[in-house]
Amino acid sequence: MGAPKRNRKKYEKPNDIRNMERIKSDHALVEQYGLKNLKELWKVQTEISRLRRNVREMLSGNEKYKSMEGAMMARLKRLGIASDATTLDNLLDLNEQSLLERRLQTLVFKNGLARSLKQARQLIVHGYIAINGKRVNRPGYLVDTSEEKMIGYYKPIDIMPRKPQASENASAQQSEATEEKEGE
């Protein structure tokens, strides 16, 4: 039989593939958001590029794209990328971070359901994370603002809380010492 349609890549590689400045900034984003590889970042960059291209077409006055303006703004507001006061000119300033902040992996970590971004990814892939009781196993899932508060565990799991770092340890010891002095 076969696939009903041909599978296509959902990303475009950068034109300056060997530019060291771009490579360093891309690797910093991969590390900051706990992405698996550069391909995930390229997917986000391609989506941002597509959005900005559509905005430029809308601003040019092309009637074909004018009808899409309301739908695109509604989608971006639903995803939490744009607000009510956002205009088309402001959408040209979109960057990768705006989409990376809305990924399920990032939101699981920021909500405290995982101790690190890598652990958040692992929990999602292994089926421990659900949105409104429905299991989601894609770390790159873009979470709507209405779904953001419904993120939780699909099945019970025991995750140890994060260990305090050295700076947090020092401040905790200082606060204990001051409490002891006040108690005397």
Protein backbone atom coordinates (compact mmCIF):
# COMPACT_ATOMS: atom_id res chain seq x y z
CA MET A 1 0.00 0.00 0.00
CA GLY A 2 2.10 2.91 1.19
CA ALA A 3 1.62 6.32 2.62
CA PRO A 4 -1.28 8.38 1.22
CA LYS A 5 1.05 11.32 0.74
CA ARG A 6 4.76 11.84 0.62
CA ASN A 7 6.37 12.72 3.92
CA ARG A 8 8.21 16.01 3.75
CA LYS A 9 10.70 17.74 5.97
CA LYS A 10 9.14 20.24 8.35
CA TYR A 11 12.24 22.39 8.56
CA GLU A 12 14.82 24.15 6.46
CA LYS A 13 18.50 24.14 7.27
CA PRO A 14 20.15 27.54 7.68
CA ASN A 15 21.81 28.97 4.60
CA ASP A 16 25.02 29.77 6.49
CA ILE A 17 25.49 26.26 7.86
CA ARG A 18 29.16 26.84 8.79
CA ASN A 19 28.86 30.27 10.42
CA MET A 20 30.41 29.87 13.89
CA GLU A 21 28.45 32.74 15.47
CA ARG A 22 25.15 31.20 14.40
CA ILE A 23 26.28 27.75 15.52
CA LYS A 24 27.21 29.05 18.98
CA SER A 25 23.91 30.90 19.39
CA ASP A 26 21.96 27.84 18.18
CA HIS A 27 23.78 25.54 20.59
CA ALA A 28 23.09 27.99 23.42
CA LEU A 29 19.35 27.82 22.62
CA VAL A 30 19.48 24.02 22.42
CA GLU A 31 21.12 23.90 25.84
CA GLN A 32 18.85 26.55 27.37
CA TYR A 33 15.61 24.84 26.32
CA GLY A 34 16.77 21.20 26.58
CA LEU A 35 16.20 20.37 22.92
CA LYS A 36 17.29 17.00 21.60
CA ASN A 37 19.21 18.32 18.61
CA LEU A 38 19.48 21.22 16.17
CA LYS A 39 16.71 19.78 14.01
CA GLU A 40 14.16 20.73 16.67
CA LEU A 41 15.49 24.28 16.70
CA TRP A 42 15.38 24.43 12.90
CA LYS A 43 11.70 23.45 13.00
CA VAL A 44 10.98 26.38 15.32
CA GLN A 45 13.04 28.75 13.17
CA THR A 46 11.18 27.61 10.06
CA GLU A 47 7.82 28.21 11.76
CA ILE A 48 8.90 31.71 12.82
CA SER A 49 10.13 32.39 9.30
CA ARG A 50 6.79 31.25 7.85
CA LEU A 51 4.83 33.46 10.27
CA ARG A 52 6.96 36.50 9.50
CA ARG A 53 6.67 35.88 5.74
CA ASN A 54 2.87 35.80 6.05
CA VAL A 55 2.88 39.01 8.09
CA ARG A 56 5.00 40.75 5.45
CA GLU A 57 2.52 39.64 2.77
CA MET A 58 -0.38 40.99 4.86
CA LEU A 59 1.38 44.31 5.34
CA SER A 60 2.05 44.59 1.61
CA GLY A 61 -1.70 44.88 1.00
CA ASN A 62 -2.15 41.61 -0.87
CA GLU A 63 -5.88 40.78 -0.71
CA LYS A 64 -5.16 37.04 -0.69
CA TYR A 65 -3.42 37.33 2.68
CA LYS A 66 -5.65 40.06 4.20
CA SER A 67 -8.38 37.49 4.88
CA MET A 68 -5.91 35.37 6.89
CA GLU A 69 -5.03 38.18 9.30
CA GLY A 70 -7.82 37.51 11.80
CA ALA A 71 -7.24 33.76 11.87
CA MET A 72 -3.50 34.12 12.35
CA MET A 73 -3.90 36.68 15.15
CA ALA A 74 -6.48 34.46 16.88
CA ARG A 75 -4.12 31.46 16.71
CA LEU A 76 -1.17 33.44 18.09
CA LYS A 77 -3.34 34.84 20.92
CA ARG A 78 -4.59 31.32 21.73
CA LEU A 79 -0.98 30.10 21.91
CA GLY A 80 -0.01 33.03 24.15
CA ILE A 81 2.51 34.44 21.69
CA ALA A 82 0.52 37.60 20.91
CA SER A 83 -1.68 39.73 23.13
CA ASP A 84 -4.76 41.83 22.35
CA ALA A 85 -2.59 44.92 21.85
CA THR A 86 -0.23 43.20 19.40
CA THR A 87 -0.21 44.58 15.87
CA LEU A 88 1.09 43.09 12.65
CA ASP A 89 4.21 45.26 12.90
CA ASN A 90 4.98 43.77 16.31
CA LEU A 91 4.74 40.24 14.89
CA LEU A 92 7.76 40.96 12.71
CA ASP A 93 9.80 41.02 15.94
CA LEU A 94 9.00 37.39 16.82
CA ASN A 95 11.98 35.23 17.68
CA GLU A 96 12.65 31.60 18.54
CA GLN A 97 12.30 32.14 22.29
CA SER A 98 8.64 33.15 21.95
CA LEU A 99 7.77 29.73 20.50
CA LEU A 100 10.24 27.75 22.61
CA GLU A 101 8.63 29.15 25.78
CA ARG A 102 5.26 27.65 24.73
CA ARG A 103 6.55 24.10 24.25
CA LEU A 104 5.23 21.44 26.61
CA GLN A 105 8.75 20.50 27.69
CA THR A 106 9.49 24.05 28.86
CA LEU A 107 6.15 24.47 30.63
CA VAL A 108 6.48 21.14 32.48
CA PHE A 109 9.82 22.30 33.87
CA LYS A 110 8.59 25.81 34.72
CA ASN A 111 5.51 24.41 36.50
CA GLY A 112 7.80 22.35 38.74
CA LEU A 113 6.69 18.93 37.49
CA ALA A 114 10.31 18.04 36.63
CA ARG A 115 13.68 18.88 38.13
CA SER A 116 15.36 19.74 34.83
CA LEU A 117 14.50 20.31 31.19
CA LYS A 118 16.01 16.94 30.28
CA GLN A 119 13.88 15.21 32.90
CA ALA A 120 10.81 17.07 31.63
CA ARG A 121 11.50 15.71 28.16
CA GLN A 122 11.94 12.19 29.53
CA LEU A 123 8.68 12.34 31.50
CA ILE A 124 6.77 13.52 28.44
CA VAL A 125 8.21 10.88 26.10
CA HIS A 126 7.59 8.07 28.61
CA GLY A 127 3.96 9.07 29.05
CA TYR A 128 3.93 10.56 32.54
CA ILE A 129 2.56 13.97 31.50
CA ALA A 130 -1.03 14.73 30.56
CA ILE A 131 -3.02 17.79 29.60
CA ASN A 132 -6.55 17.73 31.01
CA GLY A 133 -6.21 14.00 31.71
CA LYS A 134 -5.13 13.16 28.13
CA ARG A 135 -1.62 11.77 27.72
CA VAL A 136 0.68 13.86 25.51
CA ASN A 137 4.01 12.34 24.51
CA ARG A 138 5.43 15.08 22.27
CA PRO A 139 7.85 17.50 23.96
CA GLY A 140 7.42 20.00 21.11
CA TYR A 141 3.65 20.26 21.57
CA LEU A 142 2.64 23.94 21.61
CA VAL A 143 0.42 24.47 24.63
CA ASP A 144 -2.58 26.80 24.43
CA THR A 145 -3.10 29.30 27.22
CA SER A 146 -6.33 27.52 28.16
CA GLU A 147 -4.48 24.19 28.51
CA GLU A 148 -1.54 25.60 30.46
CA LYS A 149 -3.17 25.22 33.88
CA MET A 150 -4.31 21.66 33.08
CA ILE A 151 -0.80 20.20 32.76
CA GLY A 152 -0.24 17.42 35.27
CA TYR A 153 0.86 13.85 35.75
CA TYR A 154 -0.95 11.10 33.85
CA LYS A 155 -0.03 8.45 36.39
CA PRO A 156 1.43 8.78 39.88
CA ILE A 157 5.16 9.35 40.02
CA ASP A 158 7.55 10.06 42.87
CA ILE A 159 10.05 12.76 41.93
CA MET A 160 12.48 13.94 44.55
CA PRO A 161 12.52 17.73 44.98
CA ARG A 162 15.49 19.65 43.67
CA LYS A 163 18.51 19.73 45.95
CA PRO A 164 19.44 23.25 47.04
CA GLN A 165 22.51 24.58 45.31
CA ALA A 166 25.57 25.91 47.16
CA SER A 167 24.34 29.52 47.13
CA GLU A 168 20.93 28.44 48.42
CA ASN A 169 22.61 26.30 51.11
CA ALA A 170 24.66 29.25 52.35
CA SER A 171 21.62 31.54 52.55
CA ALA A 172 19.62 28.81 54.37
CA GLN A 173 22.41 28.36 56.94
CA GLN A 174 22.60 32.13 57.48
CA SER A 175 18.85 32.36 58.06
CA GLU A 176 19.01 29.46 60.56
CA ALA A 177 21.84 31.19 62.42
CA THR A 178 19.87 34.44 62.68
CA GLU A 179 16.79 32.54 63.92
CA GLU A 180 18.88 30.86 66.65
CA LYS A 181 20.27 34.23 67.78
CA GLU A 182 16.79 35.76 67.91
CA GLY A 183 15.53 32.77 69.94
CA GLU A 184 18.17 33.28 72.67
